[in-house]
Every structure is written in structure tokens, then in C-alpha cells.
PDB file of N, CA and C in Angstrom:
ATOM      1  N   UNK A   1       6.896 -19.616   2.167  1.00  0.00           N
ATOM      2  CA  UNK A   1       6.544 -21.020   1.716  1.00  0.00           C
ATOM      3  C   UNK A   1       7.335 -21.892   2.744  1.00  0.00           C
ATOM      4  N   UNK A   2       6.593 -22.639   3.466  1.00  0.00           N
ATOM      5  CA  UNK A   2       7.402 -23.957   4.367  1.00  0.00           C
ATOM      6  C   UNK A   2       8.215 -24.508   3.637  1.00  0.00           C
ATOM      7  N   UNK A   3       9.081 -24.905   4.229  1.00  0.00           N
ATOM      8  CA  UNK A   3      10.297 -25.651   3.863  1.00  0.00           C
ATOM      9  C   UNK A   3      10.299 -27.053   4.479  1.00  0.00           C
ATOM     10  N   UNK A   4      10.217 -28.315   3.600  1.00  0.00           N
ATOM     11  CA  UNK A   4       9.873 -29.676   4.570  1.00  0.00           C
ATOM     12  C   UNK A   4      10.945 -30.378   3.768  1.00  0.00           C
ATOM     13  N   UNK A   5      12.111 -30.001   3.347  1.00  0.00           N
ATOM     14  CA  UNK A   5      13.114 -30.705   2.611  1.00  0.00           C
ATOM     15  C   UNK A   5      13.931 -31.717   3.372  1.00  0.00           C
ATOM     16  N   UNK A   6      14.342 -32.839   3.028  1.00  0.00           N
ATOM     17  CA  UNK A   6      14.977 -33.699   3.968  1.00  0.00           C
ATOM     18  C   UNK A   6      16.051 -33.135   4.520  1.00  0.00           C
ATOM     19  N   UNK A   7      16.793 -32.263   3.617  1.00  0.00           N
ATOM     20  CA  UNK A   7      17.889 -31.661   4.699  1.00  0.00           C
ATOM     21  C   UNK A   7      17.782 -30.560   5.423  1.00  0.00           C
ATOM     22  N   UNK A   8      16.442 -30.321   5.862  1.00  0.00           N
ATOM     23  CA  UNK A   8      15.781 -29.432   6.992  1.00  0.00           C
ATOM     24  C   UNK A   8      15.265 -30.639   7.998  1.00  0.00           C
ATOM     25  N   UNK A   9      14.533 -31.527   7.428  1.00  0.00           N
ATOM     26  CA  UNK A   9      13.915 -32.342   8.163  1.00  0.00           C
ATOM     27  C   UNK A   9      14.172 -34.118   7.773  1.00  0.00           C
ATOM     28  N   UNK A  10      15.240 -34.614   8.123  1.00  0.00           N
ATOM     29  CA  UNK A  10      16.041 -35.963   7.960  1.00  0.00           C
ATOM     30  C   UNK A  10      14.646 -36.966   7.896  1.00  0.00           C
ATOM     31  N   UNK A  11      13.669 -36.732   8.722  1.00  0.00           N
ATOM     32  CA  UNK A  11      12.707 -37.654   9.118  1.00  0.00           C
ATOM     33  C   UNK A  11      11.647 -37.826   7.628  1.00  0.00           C
ATOM     34  N   UNK A  12      11.702 -36.891   6.800  1.00  0.00           N
ATOM     35  CA  UNK A  12      10.949 -36.594   5.700  1.00  0.00           C
ATOM     36  C   UNK A  12      11.084 -37.785   4.973  1.00  0.00           C
ATOM     37  N   UNK A  13      12.313 -38.458   4.710  1.00  0.00           N
ATOM     38  CA  UNK A  13      13.112 -39.278   3.992  1.00  0.00           C
ATOM     39  C   UNK A  13      12.154 -40.511   4.236  1.00  0.00           C
ATOM     40  N   UNK A  14      11.945 -41.522   3.197  1.00  0.00           N
ATOM     41  CA  UNK A  14      11.143 -42.786   3.128  1.00  0.00           C
ATOM     42  C   UNK A  14       9.825 -42.497   3.479  1.00  0.00           C
ATOM     43  N   UNK A  15       9.169 -43.584   3.881  1.00  0.00           N
ATOM     44  CA  UNK A  15       7.965 -43.531   4.548  1.00  0.00           C
ATOM     45  C   UNK A  15       7.826 -43.497   6.109  1.00  0.00           C
ATOM     46  N   UNK A  16       8.328 -43.404   6.925  1.00  0.00           N
ATOM     47  CA  UNK A  16       8.292 -43.599   8.251  1.00  0.00           C
ATOM     48  C   UNK A  16       7.851 -42.718   8.752  1.00  0.00           C
ATOM     49  N   UNK A  17       7.405 -41.613   8.331  1.00  0.00           N
ATOM     50  CA  UNK A  17       6.433 -40.306   9.106  1.00  0.00           C
ATOM     51  C   UNK A  17       5.286 -40.509   8.218  1.00  0.00           C
ATOM     52  N   UNK A  18       3.927 -39.933   8.696  1.00  0.00           N
ATOM     53  CA  UNK A  18       2.865 -39.356   8.477  1.00  0.00           C
ATOM     54  C   UNK A  18       2.996 -38.032   7.870  1.00  0.00           C
ATOM     55  N   UNK A  19       2.910 -37.978   6.486  1.00  0.00           N
ATOM     56  CA  UNK A  19       3.103 -36.643   5.896  1.00  0.00           C
ATOM     57  C   UNK A  19       2.117 -35.562   6.290  1.00  0.00           C
ATOM     58  N   UNK A  20       1.581 -35.137   7.347  1.00  0.00           N
ATOM     59  CA  UNK A  20       0.879 -34.322   7.373  1.00  0.00           C
ATOM     60  C   UNK A  20       1.574 -32.964   7.514  1.00  0.00           C
ATOM     61  N   UNK A  21       1.141 -31.954   6.588  1.00  0.00           N
ATOM     62  CA  UNK A  21       1.299 -30.664   6.825  1.00  0.00           C
ATOM     63  C   UNK A  21       0.799 -29.865   7.291  1.00  0.00           C
ATOM     64  N   UNK A  22       1.284 -28.823   8.096  1.00  0.00           N
ATOM     65  CA  UNK A  22       0.493 -27.550   8.642  1.00  0.00           C
ATOM     66  C   UNK A  22       0.308 -26.516   7.967  1.00  0.00           C
ATOM     67  N   UNK A  23      -0.805 -26.062   7.911  1.00  0.00           N
ATOM     68  CA  UNK A  23      -1.042 -24.947   7.081  1.00  0.00           C
ATOM     69  C   UNK A  23      -1.061 -23.512   7.852  1.00  0.00           C
ATOM     70  N   UNK A  24      -0.383 -22.733   7.855  1.00  0.00           N
ATOM     71  CA  UNK A  24      -0.174 -21.465   8.686  1.00  0.00           C
ATOM     72  C   UNK A  24      -0.849 -20.344   7.935  1.00  0.00           C
ATOM     73  N   UNK A  25      -2.038 -20.650   8.169  1.00  0.00           N
ATOM     74  CA  UNK A  25      -2.835 -19.582   7.065  1.00  0.00           C
ATOM     75  C   UNK A  25      -3.237 -17.963   7.925  1.00  0.00           C
ATOM     76  N   UNK A  26      -3.035 -18.290   9.065  1.00  0.00           N
ATOM     77  CA  UNK A  26      -3.145 -16.914  10.112  1.00  0.00           C
ATOM     78  C   UNK A  26      -2.635 -16.608  11.357  1.00  0.00           C
ATOM     79  N   UNK A  27      -2.265 -15.662  11.641  1.00  0.00           N
ATOM     80  CA  UNK A  27      -1.372 -15.204  12.729  1.00  0.00           C
ATOM     81  C   UNK A  27      -2.032 -14.470  13.760  1.00  0.00           C
ATOM     82  N   UNK A  28      -2.078 -14.299  14.772  1.00  0.00           N
ATOM     83  CA  UNK A  28      -2.559 -13.120  15.836  1.00  0.00           C
ATOM     84  C   UNK A  28      -4.012 -13.506  15.903  1.00  0.00           C
ATOM     85  N   UNK A  29      -4.468 -12.702  16.615  1.00  0.00           N
ATOM     86  CA  UNK A  29      -6.141 -12.538  16.672  1.00  0.00           C
ATOM     87  C   UNK A  29      -6.806 -11.463  16.673  1.00  0.00           C
ATOM     88  N   UNK A  30      -8.212 -11.344  16.263  1.00  0.00           N
ATOM     89  CA  UNK A  30      -8.750 -10.222  16.216  1.00  0.00           C
ATOM     90  C   UNK A  30      -9.108  -9.615  17.389  1.00  0.00           C
ATOM     91  N   UNK A  31      -9.457 -10.528  18.290  1.00  0.00           N
ATOM     92  CA  UNK A  31      -9.661 -10.228  19.605  1.00  0.00           C
ATOM     93  C   UNK A  31      -8.843  -9.511  20.432  1.00  0.00           C
ATOM     94  N   UNK A  32      -9.372  -8.937  21.755  1.00  0.00           N
ATOM     95  CA  UNK A  32      -8.418  -8.503  22.811  1.00  0.00           C
ATOM     96  C   UNK A  32      -9.131  -8.791  24.158  1.00  0.00           C
ATOM     97  N   UNK A  33      -9.070 -10.346  24.020  1.00  0.00           N
ATOM     98  CA  UNK A  33      -9.787 -10.865  25.592  1.00  0.00           C
ATOM     99  C   UNK A  33      -8.671 -10.381  26.744  1.00  0.00           C
ATOM    100  N   UNK A  34      -8.932 -10.059  28.014  1.00  0.00           N
ATOM    101  CA  UNK A  34      -8.278  -9.507  28.770  1.00  0.00           C
ATOM    102  C   UNK A  34      -7.341 -10.812  29.427  1.00  0.00           C
ATOM    103  N   UNK A  35      -7.823 -12.157  29.244  1.00  0.00           N
ATOM    104  CA  UNK A  35      -7.234 -13.175  29.851  1.00  0.00           C
ATOM    105  C   UNK A  35      -6.273 -13.851  29.080  1.00  0.00           C
ATOM    106  N   UNK A  36      -5.968 -13.382  27.693  1.00  0.00           N
ATOM    107  CA  UNK A  36      -5.186 -14.234  26.936  1.00  0.00           C
ATOM    108  C   UNK A  36      -3.935 -13.263  26.626  1.00  0.00           C
ATOM    109  N   UNK A  37      -2.914 -13.628  26.823  1.00  0.00           N
ATOM    110  CA  UNK A  37      -1.202 -13.189  26.684  1.00  0.00           C
ATOM    111  C   UNK A  37      -1.097 -13.106  25.182  1.00  0.00           C
ATOM    112  N   UNK A  38      -1.989 -13.510  24.261  1.00  0.00           N
ATOM    113  CA  UNK A  38      -1.717 -13.162  22.921  1.00  0.00           C
ATOM    114  C   UNK A  38      -1.408 -12.031  22.030  1.00  0.00           C
ATOM    115  N   UNK A  39      -2.831 -11.307  22.875  1.00  0.00           N
ATOM    116  CA  UNK A  39      -3.250 -10.035  22.606  1.00  0.00           C
ATOM    117  C   UNK A  39      -1.907  -8.824  22.731  1.00  0.00           C
ATOM    118  N   UNK A  40      -1.409  -9.118  23.593  1.00  0.00           N
ATOM    119  CA  UNK A  40      -0.776  -8.207  24.208  1.00  0.00           C
ATOM    120  C   UNK A  40       0.754  -8.424  23.931  1.00  0.00           C
ATOM    121  N   UNK A  41       0.807  -9.835  23.356  1.00  0.00           N
ATOM    122  CA  UNK A  41       2.208 -10.001  22.735  1.00  0.00           C
ATOM    123  C   UNK A  41       2.365  -9.641  21.024  1.00  0.00           C
ATOM    124  N   UNK A  42       1.499  -9.892  20.415  1.00  0.00           N
ATOM    125  CA  UNK A  42       1.389  -9.461  19.230  1.00  0.00           C
ATOM    126  C   UNK A  42       0.902  -8.158  18.375  1.00  0.00           C
ATOM    127  N   UNK A  43       0.382  -7.485  20.052  1.00  0.00           N
ATOM    128  CA  UNK A  43      -0.312  -5.931  19.533  1.00  0.00           C
ATOM    129  C   UNK A  43      -1.205  -6.102  18.954  1.00  0.00           C
ATOM    130  N   UNK A  44      -1.892  -7.031  18.685  1.00  0.00           N
ATOM    131  CA  UNK A  44      -3.338  -7.401  17.995  1.00  0.00           C
ATOM    132  C   UNK A  44      -3.010  -7.075  16.689  1.00  0.00           C
ATOM    133  N   UNK A  45      -2.075  -7.477  16.074  1.00  0.00           N
ATOM    134  CA  UNK A  45      -1.718  -7.669  14.610  1.00  0.00           C
ATOM    135  C   UNK A  45      -2.072  -9.176  13.930  1.00  0.00           C
ATOM    136  N   UNK A  46      -3.624  -9.290  13.516  1.00  0.00           N
ATOM    137  CA  UNK A  46      -4.090 -10.507  13.082  1.00  0.00           C
ATOM    138  C   UNK A  46      -3.483 -10.115  11.459  1.00  0.00           C
ATOM    139  N   UNK A  47      -3.122 -11.168  10.952  1.00  0.00           N
ATOM    140  CA  UNK A  47      -2.980 -11.504   9.587  1.00  0.00           C
ATOM    141  C   UNK A  47      -3.480 -13.120   9.199  1.00  0.00           C
ATOM    142  N   UNK A  48      -3.833 -12.782   8.070  1.00  0.00           N
ATOM    143  CA  UNK A  48      -4.214 -14.172   7.435  1.00  0.00           C
ATOM    144  C   UNK A  48      -3.949 -13.918   5.663  1.00  0.00           C
ATOM    145  N   UNK A  49      -3.650 -15.273   5.225  1.00  0.00           N
ATOM    146  CA  UNK A  49      -3.493 -15.386   4.069  1.00  0.00           C
ATOM    147  C   UNK A  49      -4.366 -15.667   3.273  1.00  0.00           C
ATOM    148  N   UNK A  50      -4.304 -15.462   1.784  1.00  0.00           N
ATOM    149  CA  UNK A  50      -5.612 -15.201   1.051  1.00  0.00           C
ATOM    150  C   UNK A  50      -5.866 -16.926   0.398  1.00  0.00           C
ATOM    151  N   UNK A  51      -7.055 -17.343   0.363  1.00  0.00           N
ATOM    152  CA  UNK A  51      -7.190 -18.551  -0.125  1.00  0.00           C
ATOM    153  C   UNK A  51      -6.529 -19.123  -0.906  1.00  0.00           C
ATOM    154  N   UNK A  52      -6.254 -17.944  -2.265  1.00  0.00           N
ATOM    155  CA  UNK A  52      -5.420 -18.143  -3.157  1.00  0.00           C
ATOM    156  C   UNK A  52      -3.885 -18.766  -2.992  1.00  0.00           C
ATOM    157  N   UNK A  53      -3.523 -18.119  -1.906  1.00  0.00           N
ATOM    158  CA  UNK A  53      -1.904 -18.161  -1.440  1.00  0.00           C
ATOM    159  C   UNK A  53      -1.797 -19.619  -0.886  1.00  0.00           C
ATOM    160  N   UNK A  54      -2.954 -19.802  -0.112  1.00  0.00           N
ATOM    161  CA  UNK A  54      -2.932 -21.142   0.776  1.00  0.00           C
ATOM    162  C   UNK A  54      -2.937 -21.962  -0.288  1.00  0.00           C
ATOM    163  N   UNK A  55      -3.969 -22.253  -1.153  1.00  0.00           N
ATOM    164  CA  UNK A  55      -3.913 -23.153  -2.257  1.00  0.00           C
ATOM    165  C   UNK A  55      -2.472 -23.170  -3.288  1.00  0.00           C
ATOM    166  N   UNK A  56      -1.875 -22.249  -3.153  1.00  0.00           N
ATOM    167  CA  UNK A  56      -0.624 -22.429  -3.654  1.00  0.00           C
ATOM    168  C   UNK A  56       0.359 -23.317  -3.049  1.00  0.00           C
ATOM    169  N   UNK A  57       0.328 -22.977  -1.662  1.00  0.00           N
ATOM    170  CA  UNK A  57       0.923 -23.682  -0.636  1.00  0.00           C
ATOM    171  C   UNK A  57       1.030 -25.147  -0.676  1.00  0.00           C
ATOM    172  N   UNK A  58      -0.595 -25.613  -0.902  1.00  0.00           N
ATOM    173  CA  UNK A  58      -0.874 -26.834  -0.867  1.00  0.00           C
ATOM    174  C   UNK A  58      -0.673 -27.395  -2.074  1.00  0.00           C
ATOM    175  N   UNK A  59      -0.672 -26.957  -3.064  1.00  0.00           N
ATOM    176  CA  UNK A  59      -0.308 -27.221  -4.238  1.00  0.00           C
ATOM    177  C   UNK A  59       1.012 -27.679  -4.703  1.00  0.00           C
ATOM    178  N   UNK A  60       1.737 -26.735  -3.879  1.00  0.00           N
ATOM    179  CA  UNK A  60       3.259 -27.136  -3.980  1.00  0.00           C
ATOM    180  C   UNK A  60       3.921 -28.116  -3.132  1.00  0.00           C
ATOM    181  N   UNK A  61       3.097 -28.208  -2.054  1.00  0.00           N
ATOM    182  CA  UNK A  61       3.612 -29.154  -1.130  1.00  0.00           C
ATOM    183  C   UNK A  61       3.061 -30.479  -1.599  1.00  0.00           C
ATOM    184  N   UNK A  62       2.216 -30.984  -2.119  1.00  0.00           N
ATOM    185  CA  UNK A  62       1.530 -31.986  -2.987  1.00  0.00           C
ATOM    186  C   UNK A  62       2.725 -32.336  -4.043  1.00  0.00           C
ATOM    187  N   UNK A  63       3.179 -31.351  -4.944  1.00  0.00           N
ATOM    188  CA  UNK A  63       4.008 -31.924  -5.822  1.00  0.00           C
ATOM    189  C   UNK A  63       5.554 -32.095  -5.214  1.00  0.00           C
ATOM    190  N   UNK A  64       5.948 -31.513  -4.062  1.00  0.00           N
ATOM    191  CA  UNK A  64       7.195 -31.577  -3.694  1.00  0.00           C
ATOM    192  C   UNK A  64       7.480 -32.787  -2.503  1.00  0.00           C
ATOM    193  N   UNK A  65       6.308 -32.620  -1.914  1.00  0.00           N
ATOM    194  CA  UNK A  65       6.331 -33.898  -0.832  1.00  0.00           C
ATOM    195  C   UNK A  65       5.635 -34.925  -0.830  1.00  0.00           C
ATOM    196  N   UNK A  66       4.791 -34.917  -2.018  1.00  0.00           N
ATOM    197  CA  UNK A  66       3.699 -36.232  -2.182  1.00  0.00           C
ATOM    198  C   UNK A  66       2.877 -36.295  -1.133  1.00  0.00           C
ATOM    199  N   UNK A  67       2.630 -35.367  -0.311  1.00  0.00           N
ATOM    200  CA  UNK A  67       1.439 -35.257   0.725  1.00  0.00           C
ATOM    201  C   UNK A  67       0.243 -35.057   0.029  1.00  0.00           C
ATOM    202  N   UNK A  68      -0.732 -35.674   1.049  1.00  0.00           N
ATOM    203  CA  UNK A  68      -2.109 -35.208   0.597  1.00  0.00           C
ATOM    204  C   UNK A  68      -2.874 -34.999   1.624  1.00  0.00           C
ATOM    205  N   UNK A  69      -2.155 -34.929   3.284  1.00  0.00           N
ATOM    206  CA  UNK A  69      -2.752 -34.624   4.494  1.00  0.00           C
ATOM    207  C   UNK A  69      -2.380 -33.125   5.126  1.00  0.00           C
ATOM    208  N   UNK A  70      -3.376 -32.421   5.324  1.00  0.00           N
ATOM    209  CA  UNK A  70      -3.025 -31.094   5.734  1.00  0.00           C
ATOM    210  C   UNK A  70      -3.803 -30.726   7.071  1.00  0.00           C
ATOM    211  N   UNK A  71      -3.375 -29.804   7.845  1.00  0.00           N
ATOM    212  CA  UNK A  71      -4.102 -29.286   8.785  1.00  0.00           C
ATOM    213  C   UNK A  71      -4.166 -27.672   9.005  1.00  0.00           C
ATOM    214  N   UNK A  72      -5.135 -26.938   9.514  1.00  0.00           N
ATOM    215  CA  UNK A  72      -4.779 -25.720   9.882  1.00  0.00           C
ATOM    216  C   UNK A  72      -4.183 -25.431  10.961  1.00  0.00           C
ATOM    217  N   UNK A  73      -2.960 -24.583  11.117  1.00  0.00           N
ATOM    218  CA  UNK A  73      -2.434 -24.758  12.464  1.00  0.00           C
ATOM    219  C   UNK A  73      -2.360 -23.001  12.766  1.00  0.00           C
ATOM    220  N   UNK A  74      -2.905 -22.297  12.097  1.00  0.00           N
ATOM    221  CA  UNK A  74      -2.982 -20.578  12.202  1.00  0.00           C
ATOM    222  C   UNK A  74      -3.557 -20.615  14.069  1.00  0.00           C
ATOM    223  N   UNK A  75      -3.131 -19.177  14.150  1.00  0.00           N
ATOM    224  CA  UNK A  75      -3.791 -19.167  15.900  1.00  0.00           C
ATOM    225  C   UNK A  75      -5.178 -18.826  15.711  1.00  0.00           C
ATOM    226  N   UNK A  76      -5.556 -17.902  14.886  1.00  0.00           N
ATOM    227  CA  UNK A  76      -7.129 -17.611  14.721  1.00  0.00           C
ATOM    228  C   UNK A  76      -7.574 -17.803  13.319  1.00  0.00           C
ATOM    229  N   UNK A  77      -8.164 -18.785  12.986  1.00  0.00           N
ATOM    230  CA  UNK A  77      -8.630 -19.090  11.729  1.00  0.00           C
ATOM    231  C   UNK A  77     -10.402 -18.728  11.509  1.00  0.00           C
ATOM    232  N   UNK A  78     -10.611 -17.836  10.923  1.00  0.00           N
ATOM    233  CA  UNK A  78     -12.100 -17.377  11.151  1.00  0.00           C
ATOM    234  C   UNK A  78     -12.787 -18.453  10.117  1.00  0.00           C
ATOM    235  N   UNK A  79     -13.999 -18.837  10.394  1.00  0.00           N
ATOM    236  CA  UNK A  79     -15.022 -19.920   9.418  1.00  0.00           C
ATOM    237  C   UNK A  79     -14.833 -19.554   8.092  1.00  0.00           C
ATOM    238  N   UNK A  80     -15.028 -18.118   7.781  1.00  0.00           N
ATOM    239  CA  UNK A  80     -15.020 -17.730   6.509  1.00  0.00           C
ATOM    240  C   UNK A  80     -13.940 -18.208   5.625  1.00  0.00           C
ATOM    241  N   UNK A  81     -12.566 -17.741   6.187  1.00  0.00           N
ATOM    242  CA  UNK A  81     -11.514 -18.117   5.779  1.00  0.00           C
ATOM    243  C   UNK A  81     -11.592 -19.692   5.314  1.00  0.00           C
ATOM    244  N   UNK A  82     -11.919 -20.629   6.379  1.00  0.00           N
ATOM    245  CA  UNK A  82     -11.893 -21.744   5.970  1.00  0.00           C
ATOM    246  C   UNK A  82     -12.710 -22.228   5.239  1.00  0.00           C
ATOM    247  N   UNK A  83     -13.817 -21.771   4.872  1.00  0.00           N
ATOM    248  CA  UNK A  83     -15.004 -21.874   3.972  1.00  0.00           C
ATOM    249  C   UNK A  83     -14.367 -21.684   2.382  1.00  0.00           C
ATOM    250  N   UNK A  84     -13.664 -20.471   2.354  1.00  0.00           N
ATOM    251  CA  UNK A  84     -13.283 -20.078   1.045  1.00  0.00           C
ATOM    252  C   UNK A  84     -12.014 -20.667   0.625  1.00  0.00           C
ATOM    253  N   UNK A  85     -10.997 -21.302   1.499  1.00  0.00           N
ATOM    254  CA  UNK A  85     -10.269 -22.308   1.243  1.00  0.00           C
ATOM    255  C   UNK A  85     -10.532 -23.467   0.732  1.00  0.00           C
ATOM    256  N   UNK A  86     -11.637 -24.258   1.407  1.00  0.00           N
ATOM    257  CA  UNK A  86     -12.232 -25.681   1.134  1.00  0.00           C
ATOM    258  C   UNK A  86     -12.956 -25.220  -0.594  1.00  0.00           C
ATOM    259  N   UNK A  87     -13.484 -24.100  -0.622  1.00  0.00           N
ATOM    260  CA  UNK A  87     -14.133 -23.685  -2.071  1.00  0.00           C
ATOM    261  C   UNK A  87     -12.823 -23.691  -2.897  1.00  0.00           C
ATOM    262  N   UNK A  88     -11.879 -23.203  -2.935  1.00  0.00           N
ATOM    263  CA  UNK A  88     -10.531 -23.448  -3.486  1.00  0.00           C
ATOM    264  C   UNK A  88     -10.223 -24.816  -3.991  1.00  0.00           C
ATOM    265  N   UNK A  89     -10.060 -25.501  -2.836  1.00  0.00           N
ATOM    266  CA  UNK A  89      -9.755 -27.174  -3.006  1.00  0.00           C
ATOM    267  C   UNK A  89     -10.742 -27.464  -3.700  1.00  0.00           C
ATOM    268  N   UNK A  90     -11.949 -27.607  -3.590  1.00  0.00           N
ATOM    269  CA  UNK A  90     -13.056 -28.345  -4.484  1.00  0.00           C
ATOM    270  C   UNK A  90     -13.004 -27.776  -5.878  1.00  0.00           C
ATOM    271  N   UNK A  91     -12.927 -26.335  -5.974  1.00  0.00           N
ATOM    272  CA  UNK A  91     -12.483 -26.002  -7.513  1.00  0.00           C
ATOM    273  C   UNK A  91     -11.355 -26.233  -8.048  1.00  0.00           C
ATOM    274  N   UNK A  92     -10.433 -26.915  -7.455  1.00  0.00           N
ATOM    275  CA  UNK A  92      -9.079 -27.185  -7.948  1.00  0.00           C
ATOM    276  C   UNK A  92      -8.958 -28.818  -8.453  1.00  0.00           C
ATOM    277  N   UNK A  93     -10.198 -29.416  -7.488  1.00  0.00           N
ATOM    278  CA  UNK A  93     -10.404 -31.017  -7.910  1.00  0.00           C
ATOM    279  C   UNK A  93      -9.144 -31.890  -7.342  1.00  0.00           C
ATOM    280  N   UNK A  94      -8.335 -31.066  -6.352  1.00  0.00           N
ATOM    281  CA  UNK A  94      -7.456 -31.392  -5.771  1.00  0.00           C
ATOM    282  C   UNK A  94      -7.884 -32.750  -4.591  1.00  0.00           C
ATOM    283  N   UNK A  95      -7.229 -33.894  -4.586  1.00  0.00           N
ATOM    284  CA  UNK A  95      -7.731 -34.861  -3.570  1.00  0.00           C
ATOM    285  C   UNK A  95      -6.736 -34.864  -2.638  1.00  0.00           C
ATOM    286  N   UNK A  96      -7.194 -34.186  -1.373  1.00  0.00           N
ATOM    287  CA  UNK A  96      -6.523 -33.992  -0.310  1.00  0.00           C
ATOM    288  C   UNK A  96      -7.428 -33.997   1.075  1.00  0.00           C
ATOM    289  N   UNK A  97      -6.801 -34.334   2.134  1.00  0.00           N
ATOM    290  CA  UNK A  97      -7.599 -34.233   3.326  1.00  0.00           C
ATOM    291  C   UNK A  97      -7.202 -33.375   4.254  1.00  0.00           C
ATOM    292  N   UNK A  98      -7.869 -32.625   5.034  1.00  0.00           N
ATOM    293  CA  UNK A  98      -7.793 -31.494   5.943  1.00  0.00           C
ATOM    294  C   UNK A  98      -8.892 -31.549   7.117  1.00  0.00           C
TER     295      UNK A  98
END
């Protein structure tokens, strides 16, 4: 789970910053494009979090940081994963933007 506490990020204190949190939902890539340095660096080890785990992260950040704004920050986020996360958000009736 990411840590956005004021002790780590002093700028989180007060309302001086937009509290947009980055969701690190995937790492690596499933493809081996010859022009891309990523595939040789990660040995093509593509990992993704489950929609439930991403939702747990969102709920935790909403509760701890009071944020309602998120964006995907993974290296390769497949459309199906984005759809599944969107379904989880709708089912939770959590009012957020992403």
C-alpha cells in the first residue's frame, strides 16, 4: 500500500496541493517490442493487481487522505483491468474521479 502521510510528504499538510493519488495497478509489460527498453529491463515480468486490491487501496486512501481523485500509473494497464476496476468502483458507490 502506498504511504502519503505528512511525515513522508510534508506537502500533504493543509489544502495547498491537489490530492490526486496514483494507482500503481500494473508493472512491466506483456509485449516484447524490439524498440522498447522496458522488456529487456524487466525480463518481461508483467504483474497486475486484482481489482479488489486496487479498490481496497482506493478506499484506504479516501479514508486516510480524504482524496477523491485518482489516476492509473501502471506501465501497462489492459482495458479489461480498467473495466473491472470501474465495475468495483460502481458497485461500491464510492464517489471518486479517475
